[in-house]
Amino acid sequence: MSADRQACTHPRGRPSASRSSLPRAVRLTVAVLAAGLFLAVPGYGASTRTVDIEIYKGKVVGKKSARVVRGDTVILRWSSDQRLELHLHGYDVRTTVSPGTPAEMKIRTRATGRFPVEIHGQGESGGHSHGHSTIFHLDVYPD
């Protein structure tokens, strides 16, 4: 066996693939197609959904949950009649909503399950407390 052939041999005696065995343009085309297939998996990252949620006197007006599919990008857009700190558990996303100033939580849903949104620090007389109150659920289903 020639010295050149030995340099391309795997330590266990098998021929190793040489990077130059395929033209660069072919390797690049294969890489782009493979990436496209990965990104085109049905249901994963398929859509962006915006959910408008109104809070009045510490309670959600209307539907108390939203159903989405894993891989979706979800924007929870909050409005409220009072200043509130909101926390989406499981994804650990927080935001503060104030009267006249909508707030958003943007989530790429990777985990499935039921995730509560709680108001943190809402006291009886408007003061600070450590109580948490679940007001909404984000339900993430498998694709």
N, C-alpha and C. Protein backbone atom coordinates (compact mmCIF):
# COMPACT_ATOMS: atom_id res chain seq x y z
N MET A 1 0.86 -1.18 0.00
CA MET A 1 0.00 0.00 0.00
C MET A 1 0.90 1.23 0.00
N SER A 2 0.56 2.23 -0.75
CA SER A 2 1.39 3.43 -0.85
C SER A 2 1.25 4.27 0.41
N ALA A 3 2.18 5.18 0.61
CA ALA A 3 2.17 6.07 1.78
C ALA A 3 0.92 6.95 1.75
N ASP A 4 0.49 7.38 0.55
CA ASP A 4 -0.71 8.21 0.44
C ASP A 4 -1.95 7.43 0.85
N ARG A 5 -2.04 6.17 0.48
CA ARG A 5 -3.20 5.35 0.83
C ARG A 5 -3.22 5.08 2.32
N GLN A 6 -2.05 4.88 2.95
CA GLN A 6 -1.99 4.63 4.37
C GLN A 6 -2.47 5.84 5.17
N ALA A 7 -2.22 7.03 4.69
CA ALA A 7 -2.62 8.25 5.39
C ALA A 7 -4.14 8.39 5.43
N CYS A 8 -4.84 7.75 4.48
CA CYS A 8 -6.30 7.85 4.42
C CYS A 8 -6.98 6.62 5.01
N THR A 9 -6.24 5.81 5.74
CA THR A 9 -6.80 4.59 6.30
C THR A 9 -7.16 4.81 7.76
N HIS A 10 -8.33 4.34 8.12
CA HIS A 10 -8.80 4.38 9.50
C HIS A 10 -7.88 3.53 10.36
N PRO A 11 -7.68 3.86 11.66
CA PRO A 11 -6.78 3.07 12.51
C PRO A 11 -7.13 1.59 12.56
N ARG A 12 -8.36 1.21 12.31
CA ARG A 12 -8.73 -0.21 12.34
C ARG A 12 -8.67 -0.85 10.95
N GLY A 13 -8.04 -0.18 10.03
CA GLY A 13 -7.84 -0.77 8.72
C GLY A 13 -8.91 -0.45 7.70
N ARG A 14 -9.97 0.25 8.09
CA ARG A 14 -11.03 0.60 7.13
C ARG A 14 -10.66 1.91 6.45
N PRO A 15 -11.02 2.03 5.19
CA PRO A 15 -10.76 3.31 4.53
C PRO A 15 -11.60 4.41 5.18
N SER A 16 -11.02 5.57 5.40
CA SER A 16 -11.77 6.68 5.97
C SER A 16 -12.27 7.58 4.86
N ALA A 17 -13.39 8.24 5.12
CA ALA A 17 -13.94 9.17 4.13
C ALA A 17 -13.08 10.41 4.09
N SER A 18 -12.75 10.79 2.94
CA SER A 18 -11.95 12.00 2.77
C SER A 18 -12.89 13.16 2.50
N ARG A 19 -12.64 14.31 3.09
CA ARG A 19 -13.48 15.48 2.88
C ARG A 19 -13.49 15.90 1.42
N SER A 20 -12.44 15.60 0.72
CA SER A 20 -12.36 16.05 -0.67
C SER A 20 -12.97 15.04 -1.63
N SER A 21 -13.60 13.96 -1.12
CA SER A 21 -14.17 12.96 -2.02
C SER A 21 -15.38 13.50 -2.78
N LEU A 22 -16.07 14.49 -2.24
CA LEU A 22 -17.19 15.13 -2.94
C LEU A 22 -16.84 16.59 -3.20
N PRO A 23 -17.26 17.10 -4.33
CA PRO A 23 -17.01 18.52 -4.60
C PRO A 23 -17.68 19.40 -3.54
N ARG A 24 -17.08 20.51 -3.25
CA ARG A 24 -17.58 21.42 -2.22
C ARG A 24 -19.03 21.83 -2.48
N ALA A 25 -19.38 22.08 -3.73
CA ALA A 25 -20.75 22.49 -4.07
C ALA A 25 -21.76 21.39 -3.72
N VAL A 26 -21.39 20.14 -3.93
CA VAL A 26 -22.28 19.02 -3.60
C VAL A 26 -22.44 18.93 -2.08
N ARG A 27 -21.35 19.04 -1.33
CA ARG A 27 -21.42 18.98 0.13
C ARG A 27 -22.31 20.11 0.66
N LEU A 28 -22.16 21.30 0.10
CA LEU A 28 -22.95 22.45 0.53
C LEU A 28 -24.43 22.24 0.21
N THR A 29 -24.75 21.70 -0.97
CA THR A 29 -26.13 21.43 -1.34
C THR A 29 -26.76 20.42 -0.39
N VAL A 30 -26.03 19.35 -0.09
CA VAL A 30 -26.53 18.34 0.83
C VAL A 30 -26.79 18.95 2.21
N ALA A 31 -25.90 19.79 2.69
CA ALA A 31 -26.06 20.43 4.01
C ALA A 31 -27.29 21.33 4.03
N VAL A 32 -27.50 22.10 2.97
CA VAL A 32 -28.66 22.99 2.91
C VAL A 32 -29.96 22.18 2.86
N LEU A 33 -29.99 21.12 2.07
CA LEU A 33 -31.18 20.27 2.00
C LEU A 33 -31.47 19.61 3.34
N ALA A 34 -30.43 19.13 4.02
CA ALA A 34 -30.63 18.49 5.32
C ALA A 34 -31.17 19.50 6.34
N ALA A 35 -30.65 20.70 6.33
CA ALA A 35 -31.15 21.74 7.25
C ALA A 35 -32.61 22.06 6.92
N GLY A 36 -32.96 22.12 5.65
CA GLY A 36 -34.33 22.40 5.25
C GLY A 36 -35.29 21.32 5.71
N LEU A 37 -34.86 20.07 5.63
CA LEU A 37 -35.70 18.98 6.12
C LEU A 37 -35.92 19.07 7.61
N PHE A 38 -34.88 19.41 8.36
CA PHE A 38 -35.00 19.55 9.81
C PHE A 38 -35.97 20.66 10.17
N LEU A 39 -35.88 21.77 9.48
CA LEU A 39 -36.75 22.91 9.79
C LEU A 39 -38.17 22.70 9.31
N ALA A 40 -38.39 21.78 8.36
CA ALA A 40 -39.72 21.57 7.82
C ALA A 40 -40.49 20.45 8.51
N VAL A 41 -40.01 20.00 9.66
CA VAL A 41 -40.73 18.95 10.39
C VAL A 41 -42.12 19.47 10.72
N PRO A 42 -43.17 18.76 10.34
CA PRO A 42 -44.53 19.25 10.57
C PRO A 42 -44.81 19.52 12.04
N GLY A 43 -45.46 20.64 12.31
CA GLY A 43 -45.88 20.95 13.66
C GLY A 43 -44.83 21.62 14.52
N TYR A 44 -43.57 21.55 14.14
CA TYR A 44 -42.55 22.14 14.99
C TYR A 44 -42.19 23.52 14.46
N GLY A 45 -42.53 24.54 15.23
CA GLY A 45 -42.26 25.90 14.82
C GLY A 45 -43.15 26.35 13.68
N ALA A 46 -44.30 25.72 13.57
CA ALA A 46 -45.16 25.93 12.41
C ALA A 46 -45.83 27.30 12.40
N SER A 47 -46.11 27.89 13.56
CA SER A 47 -46.87 29.13 13.52
C SER A 47 -46.55 30.03 14.72
N THR A 48 -46.97 31.26 14.57
CA THR A 48 -46.93 32.22 15.67
C THR A 48 -48.36 32.57 16.00
N ARG A 49 -48.69 32.49 17.27
CA ARG A 49 -50.06 32.77 17.71
C ARG A 49 -50.03 33.86 18.78
N THR A 50 -50.86 34.87 18.61
CA THR A 50 -50.98 35.93 19.60
C THR A 50 -52.31 35.76 20.32
N VAL A 51 -52.24 35.79 21.66
CA VAL A 51 -53.43 35.65 22.49
C VAL A 51 -53.57 36.94 23.30
N ASP A 52 -54.68 37.66 23.10
CA ASP A 52 -54.95 38.88 23.87
C ASP A 52 -55.73 38.50 25.12
N ILE A 53 -55.21 38.94 26.28
CA ILE A 53 -55.82 38.59 27.57
C ILE A 53 -56.04 39.88 28.36
N GLU A 54 -57.29 40.08 28.77
CA GLU A 54 -57.64 41.27 29.56
C GLU A 54 -57.85 40.85 31.01
N ILE A 55 -57.24 41.63 31.92
CA ILE A 55 -57.41 41.40 33.35
C ILE A 55 -58.16 42.59 33.93
N TYR A 56 -59.23 42.29 34.68
CA TYR A 56 -60.01 43.33 35.34
C TYR A 56 -60.19 42.92 36.80
N LYS A 57 -59.77 43.81 37.69
CA LYS A 57 -59.82 43.56 39.14
C LYS A 57 -59.17 42.22 39.52
N GLY A 58 -58.04 41.95 38.87
CA GLY A 58 -57.26 40.76 39.21
C GLY A 58 -57.76 39.46 38.63
N LYS A 59 -58.74 39.52 37.74
CA LYS A 59 -59.31 38.30 37.13
C LYS A 59 -59.32 38.45 35.61
N VAL A 60 -59.11 37.33 34.92
CA VAL A 60 -59.13 37.34 33.46
C VAL A 60 -60.58 37.43 32.98
N VAL A 61 -60.81 38.32 32.03
CA VAL A 61 -62.11 38.47 31.40
C VAL A 61 -62.13 37.53 30.19
N GLY A 62 -63.10 36.63 30.14
CA GLY A 62 -63.19 35.71 29.01
C GLY A 62 -62.48 34.40 29.29
N LYS A 63 -61.92 33.80 28.22
CA LYS A 63 -61.28 32.48 28.33
C LYS A 63 -60.10 32.51 29.30
N LYS A 64 -60.01 31.49 30.10
CA LYS A 64 -58.98 31.41 31.15
C LYS A 64 -57.81 30.52 30.74
N SER A 65 -57.79 30.10 29.45
CA SER A 65 -56.68 29.28 28.97
C SER A 65 -56.54 29.44 27.46
N ALA A 66 -55.36 29.03 26.97
CA ALA A 66 -55.11 29.01 25.53
C ALA A 66 -54.45 27.68 25.21
N ARG A 67 -54.87 27.07 24.12
CA ARG A 67 -54.33 25.79 23.69
C ARG A 67 -53.45 26.01 22.48
N VAL A 68 -52.20 25.54 22.57
CA VAL A 68 -51.25 25.69 21.48
C VAL A 68 -50.53 24.35 21.26
N VAL A 69 -49.73 24.28 20.21
CA VAL A 69 -48.99 23.08 19.87
C VAL A 69 -47.50 23.31 20.12
N ARG A 70 -46.84 22.26 20.61
CA ARG A 70 -45.40 22.35 20.86
C ARG A 70 -44.69 22.82 19.59
N GLY A 71 -43.79 23.74 19.75
CA GLY A 71 -43.04 24.30 18.63
C GLY A 71 -43.59 25.63 18.14
N ASP A 72 -44.82 25.94 18.49
CA ASP A 72 -45.37 27.24 18.12
C ASP A 72 -44.68 28.34 18.91
N THR A 73 -44.65 29.51 18.33
CA THR A 73 -44.26 30.71 19.06
C THR A 73 -45.56 31.35 19.52
N VAL A 74 -45.64 31.63 20.82
CA VAL A 74 -46.85 32.19 21.40
C VAL A 74 -46.54 33.55 22.00
N ILE A 75 -47.39 34.51 21.70
CA ILE A 75 -47.29 35.84 22.32
C ILE A 75 -48.53 36.03 23.16
N LEU A 76 -48.35 36.07 24.48
CA LEU A 76 -49.45 36.38 25.39
C LEU A 76 -49.42 37.89 25.59
N ARG A 77 -50.44 38.59 25.10
CA ARG A 77 -50.49 40.05 25.19
C ARG A 77 -51.50 40.43 26.26
N TRP A 78 -51.00 41.03 27.33
CA TRP A 78 -51.79 41.32 28.53
C TRP A 78 -52.19 42.78 28.59
N SER A 79 -53.43 43.03 29.06
CA SER A 79 -53.86 44.39 29.44
C SER A 79 -54.54 44.26 30.80
N SER A 80 -54.46 45.33 31.59
CA SER A 80 -55.01 45.27 32.95
C SER A 80 -55.44 46.65 33.41
N ASP A 81 -56.38 46.66 34.36
CA ASP A 81 -56.83 47.92 34.95
C ASP A 81 -55.96 48.34 36.13
N GLN A 82 -55.00 47.49 36.50
CA GLN A 82 -54.08 47.80 37.60
C GLN A 82 -52.70 47.21 37.31
N ARG A 83 -51.71 47.73 38.01
CA ARG A 83 -50.33 47.24 37.82
C ARG A 83 -50.21 45.86 38.46
N LEU A 84 -49.72 44.88 37.66
CA LEU A 84 -49.56 43.51 38.15
C LEU A 84 -48.27 42.91 37.64
N GLU A 85 -47.66 42.08 38.47
CA GLU A 85 -46.51 41.29 38.04
C GLU A 85 -47.04 39.89 37.71
N LEU A 86 -46.79 39.44 36.46
CA LEU A 86 -47.26 38.15 36.00
C LEU A 86 -46.09 37.20 35.79
N HIS A 87 -46.32 35.91 36.07
CA HIS A 87 -45.28 34.91 35.94
C HIS A 87 -45.86 33.66 35.29
N LEU A 88 -45.29 33.25 34.15
CA LEU A 88 -45.66 32.01 33.49
C LEU A 88 -44.73 30.92 34.01
N HIS A 89 -45.28 30.04 34.84
CA HIS A 89 -44.49 28.97 35.44
C HIS A 89 -44.17 27.91 34.39
N GLY A 90 -43.09 27.20 34.59
CA GLY A 90 -42.65 26.18 33.66
C GLY A 90 -41.73 26.73 32.59
N TYR A 91 -42.04 27.91 32.09
CA TYR A 91 -41.17 28.59 31.14
C TYR A 91 -40.41 29.73 31.82
N ASP A 92 -40.79 30.02 33.05
CA ASP A 92 -40.16 31.06 33.86
C ASP A 92 -40.04 32.40 33.13
N VAL A 93 -41.18 32.85 32.61
CA VAL A 93 -41.25 34.14 31.93
C VAL A 93 -42.06 35.08 32.81
N ARG A 94 -41.55 36.28 33.01
CA ARG A 94 -42.21 37.28 33.85
C ARG A 94 -42.39 38.57 33.07
N THR A 95 -43.45 39.28 33.44
CA THR A 95 -43.67 40.60 32.87
C THR A 95 -44.51 41.41 33.85
N THR A 96 -44.45 42.71 33.71
CA THR A 96 -45.28 43.60 34.51
C THR A 96 -46.20 44.35 33.56
N VAL A 97 -47.50 44.30 33.88
CA VAL A 97 -48.50 44.99 33.08
C VAL A 97 -49.05 46.16 33.90
N SER A 98 -49.24 47.29 33.23
CA SER A 98 -49.77 48.49 33.89
C SER A 98 -50.96 49.00 33.11
N PRO A 99 -51.87 49.73 33.76
CA PRO A 99 -53.02 50.29 33.06
C PRO A 99 -52.56 51.13 31.87
N GLY A 100 -53.17 50.92 30.71
CA GLY A 100 -52.84 51.71 29.52
C GLY A 100 -51.57 51.27 28.82
N THR A 101 -50.85 50.30 29.37
CA THR A 101 -49.60 49.84 28.77
C THR A 101 -49.62 48.32 28.67
N PRO A 102 -50.01 47.77 27.53
CA PRO A 102 -50.03 46.32 27.39
C PRO A 102 -48.62 45.74 27.57
N ALA A 103 -48.56 44.51 28.03
CA ALA A 103 -47.29 43.81 28.20
C ALA A 103 -47.37 42.49 27.46
N GLU A 104 -46.22 42.00 27.00
CA GLU A 104 -46.19 40.75 26.25
C GLU A 104 -45.24 39.73 26.87
N MET A 105 -45.62 38.47 26.74
CA MET A 105 -44.74 37.35 27.04
C MET A 105 -44.61 36.59 25.72
N LYS A 106 -43.38 36.45 25.22
CA LYS A 106 -43.15 35.72 23.97
C LYS A 106 -42.45 34.41 24.31
N ILE A 107 -43.06 33.29 23.89
CA ILE A 107 -42.56 31.98 24.28
C ILE A 107 -42.47 31.09 23.05
N ARG A 108 -41.37 30.38 22.90
CA ARG A 108 -41.27 29.29 21.91
C ARG A 108 -41.57 28.03 22.69
N THR A 109 -42.71 27.41 22.44
CA THR A 109 -43.18 26.29 23.25
C THR A 109 -42.40 25.02 22.93
N ARG A 110 -41.57 24.61 23.88
CA ARG A 110 -40.78 23.39 23.73
C ARG A 110 -41.29 22.27 24.63
N ALA A 111 -41.76 22.62 25.80
CA ALA A 111 -42.27 21.63 26.76
C ALA A 111 -43.79 21.54 26.64
N THR A 112 -44.31 20.33 26.79
CA THR A 112 -45.75 20.14 26.76
C THR A 112 -46.30 20.07 28.18
N GLY A 113 -47.58 20.37 28.31
CA GLY A 113 -48.23 20.31 29.61
C GLY A 113 -49.11 21.52 29.83
N ARG A 114 -49.55 21.68 31.08
CA ARG A 114 -50.40 22.81 31.47
C ARG A 114 -49.56 23.73 32.35
N PHE A 115 -49.41 24.98 31.92
CA PHE A 115 -48.54 25.93 32.60
C PHE A 115 -49.36 27.11 33.12
N PRO A 116 -49.35 27.31 34.45
CA PRO A 116 -50.15 28.40 35.02
C PRO A 116 -49.46 29.75 34.90
N VAL A 117 -50.28 30.77 34.72
CA VAL A 117 -49.81 32.16 34.82
C VAL A 117 -50.37 32.67 36.13
N GLU A 118 -49.48 33.20 36.97
CA GLU A 118 -49.89 33.69 38.28
C GLU A 118 -49.60 35.17 38.41
N ILE A 119 -50.42 35.80 39.23
CA ILE A 119 -50.13 37.16 39.67
C ILE A 119 -49.26 37.02 40.91
N HIS A 120 -48.13 37.67 40.90
CA HIS A 120 -47.25 37.63 42.06
C HIS A 120 -47.34 38.94 42.83
N GLY A 121 -47.35 38.82 44.15
CA GLY A 121 -47.26 40.00 45.01
C GLY A 121 -48.49 40.86 45.06
N GLN A 122 -49.66 40.31 44.81
CA GLN A 122 -50.89 41.11 44.88
C GLN A 122 -51.45 41.02 46.29
N GLY A 123 -51.53 42.15 46.98
CA GLY A 123 -52.05 42.18 48.34
C GLY A 123 -53.51 42.57 48.38
N GLU A 124 -54.12 42.36 49.53
CA GLU A 124 -55.55 42.69 49.72
C GLU A 124 -55.84 44.16 49.48
N SER A 125 -54.97 45.03 50.00
CA SER A 125 -55.23 46.46 49.90
C SER A 125 -54.31 47.14 48.90
N GLY A 126 -53.83 46.35 47.93
CA GLY A 126 -52.95 46.94 46.92
C GLY A 126 -51.51 46.91 47.36
N GLY A 127 -51.21 46.45 48.57
CA GLY A 127 -49.85 46.36 49.04
C GLY A 127 -49.18 45.10 48.54
N HIS A 128 -47.94 44.92 48.92
CA HIS A 128 -47.17 43.76 48.47
C HIS A 128 -47.41 42.58 49.40
N SER A 129 -47.58 41.42 48.82
CA SER A 129 -47.66 40.19 49.60
C SER A 129 -46.93 39.11 48.85
N HIS A 130 -46.79 37.95 49.44
CA HIS A 130 -46.09 36.87 48.78
C HIS A 130 -47.07 35.82 48.27
N GLY A 131 -48.34 36.14 48.25
CA GLY A 131 -49.35 35.22 47.74
C GLY A 131 -49.32 35.18 46.22
N HIS A 132 -49.68 34.03 45.67
CA HIS A 132 -49.74 33.88 44.22
C HIS A 132 -51.15 33.46 43.86
N SER A 133 -51.63 34.00 42.78
CA SER A 133 -52.99 33.71 42.34
C SER A 133 -52.97 33.30 40.87
N THR A 134 -53.35 32.05 40.57
CA THR A 134 -53.39 31.59 39.18
C THR A 134 -54.59 32.22 38.48
N ILE A 135 -54.32 32.85 37.33
CA ILE A 135 -55.40 33.51 36.60
C ILE A 135 -55.60 32.95 35.20
N PHE A 136 -54.61 32.18 34.70
CA PHE A 136 -54.65 31.74 33.31
C PHE A 136 -53.78 30.50 33.17
N HIS A 137 -54.08 29.68 32.16
CA HIS A 137 -53.25 28.51 31.86
C HIS A 137 -52.88 28.50 30.37
N LEU A 138 -51.63 28.16 30.11
CA LEU A 138 -51.17 27.91 28.75
C LEU A 138 -51.06 26.39 28.61
N ASP A 139 -51.89 25.82 27.74
CA ASP A 139 -51.90 24.37 27.51
C ASP A 139 -51.14 24.07 26.22
N VAL A 140 -50.01 23.35 26.36
CA VAL A 140 -49.16 23.04 25.22
C VAL A 140 -49.28 21.55 24.92
N TYR A 141 -49.76 21.24 23.73
CA TYR A 141 -49.97 19.86 23.31
C TYR A 141 -48.85 19.39 22.38
N PRO A 142 -48.58 18.08 22.34
CA PRO A 142 -47.57 17.57 21.40
C PRO A 142 -48.01 17.84 19.96
N ASP A 143 -47.05 17.91 19.06
CA ASP A 143 -47.37 18.15 17.65
C ASP A 143 -47.99 16.94 17.01
